[in-house]
Amino acid sequence: MSHIGNKIKAGYFRTPDKQGEHLRSLLQFTGDVACFDPTCGEGLILEQLTSNIEEYEVKSYGVELDKRRAAEATNRLHTVVQAPIESMVISHNSFGFLFLNPPYDHTMLGIGDDEKSERKEYTELVRNTKYLMPAGIIVYIIPSYRFADKRIARYLATNFEDVAVTKFSSEDYEDFRQCVCATC
C-alpha cells in the first residue's frame, strides 16, 4: 500500500486470522499471565491468541489510538485505553506476553525530543520491551526486510536469549511480506 494509503488507515493493518491461528498453536502459557498489545486495533488478534485458555487466568490489555477501534476492542479485551502509546504510563516488567505489530512508518520530526525521524518498527520494539517480565514472550511482526536492519537485529540479539523468526504462511506472505519473531 502506498505511503498515503497507510496514513489514511492510520497505520492499521489487521493480522490475518490464519496467522493468528498458527501463532496460537505455537503459544503455550504455563501459568497466569497478563498480555499486552500497545497497538491493539479492534482487539481481534490478542483475543485470538489469549482466548480459550481454561487452566490459567489470562488477562488482556490493549492501547489503541483510534476511538472507533478502541471501542470495538473493549468488547474483546479485559482492559483497553484509547490513547497514543507515547502518553501511557505503564510499569516496567508488567506483562508476561507482548504482541507487537507496530506501524510501518517513520516517527514525526519535532514530536518529543526527536531531532531526526526514526522507523517506528525499531522505536516501538525498544519502547515496549521494557514492559515485558523476565522470561516473558514477545511476538513481533514486521515486514521481512526490516529484520535485516542492524539496529533491530542487534537489539533482538543482545536483549533476548531465544529468538526465532518465521515468515507468514504462503497464503498471506505474498500479500503482506511479513515475518514473525518470537522471543523470550
Protein backbone atom coordinates (compact mmCIF):
# COMPACT_ATOMS: atom_id res chain seq x y z
CA MET A 1 0.00 0.00 0.00
CA SER A 2 1.22 3.50 -0.72
CA HIS A 3 2.53 5.79 1.99
CA ILE A 4 -0.62 7.94 1.71
CA GLY A 5 -2.80 4.82 1.91
CA ASN A 6 -1.04 3.88 5.14
CA LYS A 7 -1.74 7.34 6.57
CA ILE A 8 -5.43 7.17 5.63
CA LYS A 9 -5.80 3.87 7.51
CA ALA A 10 -3.83 5.41 10.43
CA GLY A 11 -1.31 2.59 10.11
CA TYR A 12 -3.93 -0.09 10.88
CA PHE A 13 -3.44 -3.43 9.16
CA ARG A 14 -5.04 -6.32 10.99
CA THR A 15 -3.06 -9.53 11.40
CA PRO A 16 -4.78 -12.19 9.24
CA ASP A 17 -6.82 -14.83 11.10
CA LYS A 18 -4.81 -17.68 9.57
CA GLN A 19 -1.59 -16.24 11.03
CA GLY A 20 -3.31 -15.83 14.40
CA GLU A 21 -4.33 -19.49 14.32
CA HIS A 22 -0.77 -20.52 13.58
CA LEU A 23 0.68 -18.31 16.33
CA ARG A 24 -1.91 -19.60 18.82
CA SER A 25 -0.85 -23.17 18.08
CA LEU A 26 2.74 -22.23 18.96
CA LEU A 27 1.95 -20.38 22.20
CA GLN A 28 1.84 -22.27 25.43
CA PHE A 29 1.16 -20.40 28.64
CA THR A 30 2.49 -22.10 31.77
CA GLY A 31 0.67 -20.03 34.38
CA ASP A 32 -1.50 -16.98 34.92
CA VAL A 33 -0.42 -14.21 32.56
CA ALA A 34 -1.14 -10.60 31.66
CA CYS A 35 -0.94 -9.96 27.90
CA PHE A 36 -0.43 -6.59 26.21
CA ASP A 37 -0.87 -5.18 22.71
CA PRO A 38 0.18 -1.50 22.50
CA THR A 39 -1.46 -1.07 19.08
CA CYS A 40 -4.43 -3.38 19.59
CA GLY A 41 -6.74 -2.15 16.85
CA GLU A 42 -10.09 -3.85 17.38
CA GLY A 43 -8.52 -6.41 19.74
CA LEU A 44 -9.08 -9.32 17.36
CA ILE A 45 -5.58 -10.82 17.31
CA LEU A 46 -4.97 -10.55 21.07
CA GLU A 47 -8.37 -12.11 21.69
CA GLN A 48 -7.49 -14.91 19.27
CA LEU A 49 -4.14 -15.53 20.96
CA THR A 50 -5.44 -15.47 24.54
CA SER A 51 -8.96 -16.94 24.43
CA ASN A 52 -9.99 -20.46 25.41
CA ILE A 53 -7.18 -20.96 27.90
CA GLU A 54 -9.02 -22.65 30.72
CA GLU A 55 -6.24 -23.80 33.00
CA TYR A 56 -4.81 -20.33 33.70
CA GLU A 57 -6.09 -16.82 34.24
CA VAL A 58 -5.19 -14.77 31.18
CA LYS A 59 -5.86 -11.03 31.22
CA SER A 60 -5.62 -9.00 28.01
CA TYR A 61 -4.72 -5.31 27.86
CA GLY A 62 -4.63 -3.04 24.84
CA VAL A 63 -3.95 0.53 23.82
CA GLU A 64 -5.42 1.96 20.62
CA LEU A 65 -5.18 5.44 19.15
CA ASP A 66 -8.34 5.28 17.04
CA LYS A 67 -11.54 5.88 19.02
CA ARG A 68 -13.78 3.53 16.98
CA ARG A 69 -11.27 0.67 17.04
CA ALA A 70 -10.68 1.14 20.79
CA ALA A 71 -14.44 0.92 21.40
CA GLU A 72 -14.55 -2.35 19.41
CA ALA A 73 -11.58 -3.71 21.37
CA THR A 74 -13.38 -3.15 24.69
CA ASN A 75 -15.76 -5.94 23.62
CA ARG A 76 -12.85 -8.37 23.25
CA LEU A 77 -10.13 -7.48 25.77
CA HIS A 78 -10.21 -7.08 29.55
CA THR A 79 -8.88 -3.51 29.56
CA VAL A 80 -8.48 -1.06 26.66
CA VAL A 81 -7.27 2.53 26.76
CA GLN A 82 -7.92 4.85 23.84
CA ALA A 83 -4.76 6.98 23.70
CA PRO A 84 -1.42 7.24 21.95
CA ILE A 85 1.01 4.69 23.42
CA GLU A 86 3.51 7.51 23.87
CA SER A 87 1.24 9.09 26.51
CA MET A 88 0.83 5.94 28.61
CA VAL A 89 2.46 5.37 31.97
CA ILE A 90 2.97 1.62 32.32
CA SER A 91 5.01 -0.15 34.98
CA HIS A 92 8.06 -1.95 33.69
CA ASN A 93 8.06 -5.77 33.85
CA SER A 94 4.24 -5.90 33.96
CA PHE A 95 3.36 -8.37 31.21
CA GLY A 96 4.27 -11.98 30.51
CA PHE A 97 3.27 -11.71 26.85
CA LEU A 98 3.57 -8.83 24.37
CA PHE A 99 2.10 -8.75 20.90
CA LEU A 100 3.87 -6.14 18.78
CA ASN A 101 2.65 -5.31 15.30
CA PRO A 102 3.87 -1.70 15.12
CA PRO A 103 3.09 0.83 12.40
CA TYR A 104 5.48 0.51 9.45
CA ASP A 105 6.30 4.18 9.16
CA HIS A 106 8.62 6.93 10.39
CA THR A 107 8.27 8.92 13.61
CA MET A 108 7.34 12.56 13.16
CA LEU A 109 10.02 15.23 13.47
CA GLY A 110 9.52 17.68 16.30
CA ILE A 111 7.42 15.33 18.42
CA GLY A 112 9.02 14.68 21.80
CA ASP A 113 12.78 15.09 21.76
CA ASP A 114 13.22 13.57 18.32
CA GLU A 115 15.72 15.56 16.32
CA LYS A 116 15.52 13.10 13.48
CA SER A 117 12.93 10.72 12.12
CA GLU A 118 13.26 7.00 13.01
CA ARG A 119 11.49 3.89 11.84
CA LYS A 120 8.58 3.02 14.14
CA GLU A 121 9.32 -0.70 14.00
CA TYR A 122 12.51 -0.11 15.99
CA THR A 123 11.11 2.64 18.22
CA GLU A 124 8.13 0.53 19.28
CA LEU A 125 10.26 -2.56 19.90
CA VAL A 126 12.51 -0.64 22.29
CA ARG A 127 9.64 1.26 23.93
CA ASN A 128 7.51 -1.79 24.62
CA THR A 129 10.02 -4.45 25.65
CA LYS A 130 10.55 -2.66 28.96
CA TYR A 131 7.01 -3.77 29.86
CA LEU A 132 7.93 -7.45 29.47
CA MET A 133 8.56 -9.55 32.58
CA PRO A 134 11.75 -11.61 32.79
CA ALA A 135 11.27 -14.85 30.81
CA GLY A 136 8.22 -13.34 29.07
CA ILE A 137 7.37 -13.83 25.41
CA ILE A 138 7.16 -11.26 22.61
CA VAL A 139 5.58 -11.87 19.24
CA TYR A 140 6.91 -9.14 16.94
CA ILE A 141 5.53 -8.80 13.41
CA ILE A 142 7.29 -6.60 10.88
CA PRO A 143 8.00 -6.67 7.14
CA SER A 144 10.59 -9.35 6.40
CA TYR A 145 13.19 -6.93 5.04
CA ARG A 146 13.16 -4.98 8.36
CA PHE A 147 14.80 -7.89 10.21
CA ALA A 148 17.96 -7.02 8.25
CA ASP A 149 18.03 -3.58 9.89
CA LYS A 150 21.18 -3.52 12.04
CA ARG A 151 19.51 -1.82 14.97
CA ILE A 152 16.59 -4.26 15.10
CA ALA A 153 18.84 -7.31 14.67
CA ARG A 154 21.29 -6.08 17.30
CA TYR A 155 18.52 -5.21 19.77
CA LEU A 156 16.92 -8.64 19.45
CA ALA A 157 20.27 -10.46 19.63
CA THR A 158 21.53 -8.61 22.70
CA ASN A 159 18.33 -8.39 24.74
CA PHE A 160 16.81 -11.85 24.35
CA GLU A 161 18.07 -15.39 24.92
CA ASP A 162 15.84 -17.26 22.49
CA VAL A 163 14.82 -15.70 19.19
CA ALA A 164 13.01 -17.49 16.38
CA VAL A 165 11.95 -15.92 13.09
CA THR A 166 9.44 -17.34 10.63
CA LYS A 167 7.60 -15.81 7.70
CA PHE A 168 3.84 -15.63 7.34
CA SER A 169 2.50 -18.80 5.77
CA SER A 170 2.19 -18.93 1.99
CA GLU A 171 -1.47 -17.87 1.83
CA ASP A 172 -0.61 -14.45 3.35
CA TYR A 173 3.10 -13.93 2.73
CA GLU A 174 2.83 -12.62 -0.83
CA ASP A 175 0.23 -10.03 0.23
CA PHE A 176 1.96 -8.82 3.39
CA ARG A 177 5.62 -9.97 3.15
CA GLN A 178 5.74 -10.08 6.94
CA CYS A 179 7.74 -12.20 9.32
CA VAL A 180 7.12 -13.08 12.93
CA CYS A 181 9.79 -13.03 15.58
CA ALA A 182 9.10 -14.85 18.83
CA THR A 183 11.45 -14.11 21.72
CA CYS A 184 11.78 -14.83 25.39
